[in-house]
Amino acid sequence: MANKFLVKLDEIQQEIKANNNKEILTIQDVCLMIGLSKSYIYRLTSERQIPHYKPLNKVIYFKRSEIELWIFKIESILLRNLKPNIIS
């Protein structure tokens, strides 16, 4: 059992390392990258809250650089909203 767990963990680590060099990401890549569920990412795309591409209305793709900028944008918004509550 422990051996299967270690093998699976090694597979996940290899996949993450392989995805670190990709500029074009799938929804699964984005889920791994930012730790959100697939359904929540789909919701964000349908509400146009996360940058994405959907060529020919098929599969959704993302640019790594745009997702990284989006993450920093979201973090800064959250921090700005938290600071007044911390001060008061």
N, C-alpha and C. Protein backbone atom coordinates (compact mmCIF):
# COMPACT_ATOMS: atom_id res chain seq x y z
N MET A 1 0.83 -1.21 0.00
CA MET A 1 0.00 0.00 0.00
C MET A 1 0.86 1.26 0.00
N ALA A 2 1.85 1.30 0.90
CA ALA A 2 2.74 2.46 0.98
C ALA A 2 3.53 2.61 -0.31
N ASN A 3 3.90 1.49 -0.92
CA ASN A 3 4.67 1.53 -2.16
C ASN A 3 3.83 2.14 -3.29
N LYS A 4 2.55 1.77 -3.37
CA LYS A 4 1.66 2.34 -4.39
C LYS A 4 1.52 3.85 -4.19
N PHE A 5 1.43 4.25 -2.93
CA PHE A 5 1.31 5.67 -2.62
C PHE A 5 2.55 6.42 -3.09
N LEU A 6 3.74 5.86 -2.82
CA LEU A 6 4.99 6.51 -3.22
C LEU A 6 5.13 6.58 -4.74
N VAL A 7 4.69 5.54 -5.43
CA VAL A 7 4.73 5.54 -6.88
C VAL A 7 3.82 6.63 -7.43
N LYS A 8 2.60 6.72 -6.90
CA LYS A 8 1.64 7.74 -7.35
C LYS A 8 2.17 9.14 -7.05
N LEU A 9 2.76 9.32 -5.87
CA LEU A 9 3.33 10.61 -5.51
C LEU A 9 4.45 10.99 -6.48
N ASP A 10 5.28 10.04 -6.85
CA ASP A 10 6.36 10.29 -7.81
C ASP A 10 5.79 10.68 -9.17
N GLU A 11 4.71 10.02 -9.61
CA GLU A 11 4.07 10.36 -10.88
C GLU A 11 3.54 11.78 -10.86
N ILE A 12 2.93 12.18 -9.76
CA ILE A 12 2.39 13.54 -9.63
C ILE A 12 3.52 14.56 -9.67
N GLN A 13 4.61 14.27 -8.96
CA GLN A 13 5.75 15.19 -8.96
C GLN A 13 6.34 15.34 -10.36
N GLN A 14 6.44 14.25 -11.09
CA GLN A 14 6.96 14.32 -12.46
C GLN A 14 6.04 15.14 -13.36
N GLU A 15 4.75 14.97 -13.18
CA GLU A 15 3.78 15.73 -13.98
C GLU A 15 3.88 17.22 -13.68
N ILE A 16 4.02 17.56 -12.42
CA ILE A 16 4.15 18.97 -12.04
C ILE A 16 5.42 19.56 -12.63
N LYS A 17 6.52 18.83 -12.57
CA LYS A 17 7.77 19.32 -13.15
C LYS A 17 7.63 19.52 -14.66
N ALA A 18 6.97 18.60 -15.32
CA ALA A 18 6.77 18.71 -16.77
C ALA A 18 5.90 19.91 -17.12
N ASN A 19 4.89 20.19 -16.29
CA ASN A 19 3.98 21.30 -16.56
C ASN A 19 4.58 22.65 -16.24
N ASN A 20 5.65 22.70 -15.45
CA ASN A 20 6.26 23.98 -15.10
C ASN A 20 6.85 24.69 -16.30
N ASN A 21 7.14 23.97 -17.37
CA ASN A 21 7.74 24.57 -18.56
C ASN A 21 6.72 24.92 -19.63
N LYS A 22 5.48 24.49 -19.46
CA LYS A 22 4.45 24.74 -20.47
C LYS A 22 3.90 26.15 -20.35
N GLU A 23 3.75 26.83 -21.49
CA GLU A 23 3.12 28.15 -21.49
C GLU A 23 1.61 28.02 -21.70
N ILE A 24 1.19 27.05 -22.50
CA ILE A 24 -0.23 26.83 -22.75
C ILE A 24 -0.69 25.71 -21.82
N LEU A 25 -1.71 25.99 -21.02
CA LEU A 25 -2.18 25.06 -20.00
C LEU A 25 -3.59 24.59 -20.28
N THR A 26 -3.89 23.39 -19.85
CA THR A 26 -5.25 22.86 -19.89
C THR A 26 -5.92 23.19 -18.56
N ILE A 27 -7.18 22.90 -18.46
CA ILE A 27 -7.90 23.16 -17.21
C ILE A 27 -7.33 22.31 -16.07
N GLN A 28 -6.89 21.08 -16.39
CA GLN A 28 -6.28 20.23 -15.37
C GLN A 28 -4.98 20.84 -14.85
N ASP A 29 -4.19 21.42 -15.76
CA ASP A 29 -2.95 22.08 -15.37
C ASP A 29 -3.22 23.24 -14.42
N VAL A 30 -4.25 24.03 -14.75
CA VAL A 30 -4.59 25.18 -13.92
C VAL A 30 -5.09 24.72 -12.55
N CYS A 31 -5.87 23.67 -12.51
CA CYS A 31 -6.34 23.12 -11.23
C CYS A 31 -5.15 22.76 -10.34
N LEU A 32 -4.17 22.06 -10.90
CA LEU A 32 -2.97 21.71 -10.14
C LEU A 32 -2.18 22.94 -9.72
N MET A 33 -2.10 23.90 -10.62
CA MET A 33 -1.29 25.09 -10.38
C MET A 33 -1.83 25.94 -9.24
N ILE A 34 -3.14 26.14 -9.21
CA ILE A 34 -3.69 27.07 -8.22
C ILE A 34 -4.54 26.40 -7.15
N GLY A 35 -4.74 25.10 -7.26
CA GLY A 35 -5.42 24.37 -6.20
C GLY A 35 -6.92 24.57 -6.12
N LEU A 36 -7.55 24.85 -7.25
CA LEU A 36 -9.00 24.99 -7.29
C LEU A 36 -9.60 23.81 -8.06
N SER A 37 -10.85 23.52 -7.80
CA SER A 37 -11.49 22.39 -8.47
C SER A 37 -11.80 22.74 -9.93
N LYS A 38 -11.96 21.70 -10.72
CA LYS A 38 -12.28 21.86 -12.13
C LYS A 38 -13.60 22.60 -12.31
N SER A 39 -14.58 22.26 -11.50
CA SER A 39 -15.90 22.91 -11.63
C SER A 39 -15.81 24.40 -11.31
N TYR A 40 -14.97 24.75 -10.33
CA TYR A 40 -14.83 26.17 -9.98
C TYR A 40 -14.10 26.93 -11.08
N ILE A 41 -13.10 26.30 -11.70
CA ILE A 41 -12.41 26.94 -12.83
C ILE A 41 -13.39 27.14 -13.98
N TYR A 42 -14.22 26.14 -14.26
CA TYR A 42 -15.25 26.30 -15.30
C TYR A 42 -16.17 27.47 -14.99
N ARG A 43 -16.56 27.60 -13.73
CA ARG A 43 -17.43 28.71 -13.32
C ARG A 43 -16.74 30.05 -13.56
N LEU A 44 -15.46 30.13 -13.19
CA LEU A 44 -14.71 31.37 -13.40
C LEU A 44 -14.61 31.73 -14.88
N THR A 45 -14.45 30.71 -15.73
CA THR A 45 -14.38 30.99 -17.17
C THR A 45 -15.74 31.43 -17.71
N SER A 46 -16.80 30.79 -17.25
CA SER A 46 -18.13 31.18 -17.75
C SER A 46 -18.52 32.58 -17.30
N GLU A 47 -18.00 33.00 -16.15
CA GLU A 47 -18.26 34.36 -15.65
C GLU A 47 -17.21 35.35 -16.14
N ARG A 48 -16.27 34.87 -16.96
CA ARG A 48 -15.19 35.68 -17.53
C ARG A 48 -14.35 36.37 -16.45
N GLN A 49 -14.11 35.65 -15.36
CA GLN A 49 -13.31 36.18 -14.26
C GLN A 49 -11.86 35.74 -14.31
N ILE A 50 -11.54 34.79 -15.17
CA ILE A 50 -10.18 34.29 -15.31
C ILE A 50 -9.83 34.30 -16.81
N PRO A 51 -8.63 34.75 -17.15
CA PRO A 51 -8.27 34.79 -18.58
C PRO A 51 -8.17 33.38 -19.16
N HIS A 52 -8.81 33.19 -20.31
CA HIS A 52 -8.81 31.88 -20.94
C HIS A 52 -9.10 32.02 -22.43
N TYR A 53 -8.88 30.93 -23.15
CA TYR A 53 -9.13 30.87 -24.59
C TYR A 53 -9.93 29.62 -24.88
N LYS A 54 -10.86 29.75 -25.81
CA LYS A 54 -11.71 28.62 -26.18
C LYS A 54 -11.85 28.61 -27.70
N PRO A 55 -10.78 28.17 -28.38
CA PRO A 55 -10.83 28.19 -29.85
C PRO A 55 -11.91 27.25 -30.39
N LEU A 56 -12.66 27.74 -31.33
CA LEU A 56 -13.74 26.97 -31.98
C LEU A 56 -14.76 26.44 -30.99
N ASN A 57 -14.91 27.12 -29.85
CA ASN A 57 -15.86 26.73 -28.81
C ASN A 57 -15.67 25.28 -28.37
N LYS A 58 -14.43 24.87 -28.26
CA LYS A 58 -14.13 23.49 -27.84
C LYS A 58 -13.44 23.52 -26.49
N VAL A 59 -12.22 23.02 -26.44
CA VAL A 59 -11.45 22.89 -25.21
C VAL A 59 -10.97 24.25 -24.72
N ILE A 60 -10.96 24.44 -23.41
CA ILE A 60 -10.50 25.69 -22.80
C ILE A 60 -9.00 25.60 -22.56
N TYR A 61 -8.29 26.67 -22.96
CA TYR A 61 -6.85 26.76 -22.73
C TYR A 61 -6.54 28.04 -21.96
N PHE A 62 -5.39 28.03 -21.31
CA PHE A 62 -4.94 29.18 -20.52
C PHE A 62 -3.48 29.44 -20.83
N LYS A 63 -3.05 30.71 -20.72
CA LYS A 63 -1.63 31.04 -20.82
C LYS A 63 -1.07 31.14 -19.41
N ARG A 64 0.02 30.44 -19.17
CA ARG A 64 0.64 30.43 -17.83
C ARG A 64 0.89 31.85 -17.34
N SER A 65 1.46 32.69 -18.17
CA SER A 65 1.80 34.05 -17.75
C SER A 65 0.56 34.83 -17.33
N GLU A 66 -0.55 34.65 -18.04
CA GLU A 66 -1.79 35.34 -17.69
C GLU A 66 -2.38 34.80 -16.38
N ILE A 67 -2.27 33.51 -16.15
CA ILE A 67 -2.77 32.93 -14.90
C ILE A 67 -1.93 33.42 -13.72
N GLU A 68 -0.62 33.48 -13.91
CA GLU A 68 0.24 33.98 -12.83
C GLU A 68 -0.10 35.44 -12.49
N LEU A 69 -0.31 36.27 -13.51
CA LEU A 69 -0.72 37.66 -13.25
C LEU A 69 -2.07 37.72 -12.57
N TRP A 70 -3.00 36.88 -12.98
CA TRP A 70 -4.34 36.83 -12.39
C TRP A 70 -4.25 36.47 -10.91
N ILE A 71 -3.38 35.51 -10.58
CA ILE A 71 -3.21 35.11 -9.18
C ILE A 71 -2.73 36.29 -8.35
N PHE A 72 -1.72 37.02 -8.85
CA PHE A 72 -1.21 38.19 -8.11
C PHE A 72 -2.27 39.27 -7.98
N LYS A 73 -3.08 39.44 -9.01
CA LYS A 73 -4.16 40.43 -8.97
C LYS A 73 -5.18 40.08 -7.88
N ILE A 74 -5.59 38.82 -7.85
CA ILE A 74 -6.55 38.35 -6.86
C ILE A 74 -5.98 38.50 -5.44
N GLU A 75 -4.71 38.12 -5.27
CA GLU A 75 -4.08 38.24 -3.95
C GLU A 75 -4.04 39.69 -3.49
N SER A 76 -3.70 40.62 -4.39
CA SER A 76 -3.63 42.02 -3.98
C SER A 76 -5.00 42.57 -3.62
N ILE A 77 -6.03 42.13 -4.34
CA ILE A 77 -7.40 42.56 -4.02
C ILE A 77 -7.80 42.05 -2.64
N LEU A 78 -7.49 40.79 -2.37
CA LEU A 78 -7.82 40.21 -1.07
C LEU A 78 -7.08 40.92 0.06
N LEU A 79 -5.81 41.20 -0.15
CA LEU A 79 -5.03 41.90 0.88
C LEU A 79 -5.56 43.30 1.14
N ARG A 80 -5.94 44.02 0.08
CA ARG A 80 -6.49 45.37 0.25
C ARG A 80 -7.79 45.32 1.05
N ASN A 81 -8.59 44.30 0.80
CA ASN A 81 -9.87 44.17 1.51
C ASN A 81 -9.67 43.75 2.96
N LEU A 82 -8.60 43.02 3.26
CA LEU A 82 -8.35 42.55 4.61
C LEU A 82 -7.72 43.63 5.49
N LYS A 83 -6.89 44.50 4.93
CA LYS A 83 -6.17 45.48 5.73
C LYS A 83 -7.06 46.38 6.56
N PRO A 84 -8.15 46.95 6.00
CA PRO A 84 -9.01 47.79 6.85
C PRO A 84 -9.59 47.03 8.04
N ASN A 85 -9.91 45.76 7.86
CA ASN A 85 -10.47 44.96 8.94
C ASN A 85 -9.42 44.68 10.01
N ILE A 86 -8.17 44.52 9.60
CA ILE A 86 -7.10 44.26 10.56
C ILE A 86 -6.81 45.50 11.39
N ILE A 87 -6.83 46.67 10.76
CA ILE A 87 -6.51 47.92 11.44
C ILE A 87 -7.61 48.29 12.44
N SER A 88 -8.87 48.10 12.09
CA SER A 88 -9.95 48.50 12.99
C SER A 88 -10.16 47.57 14.14
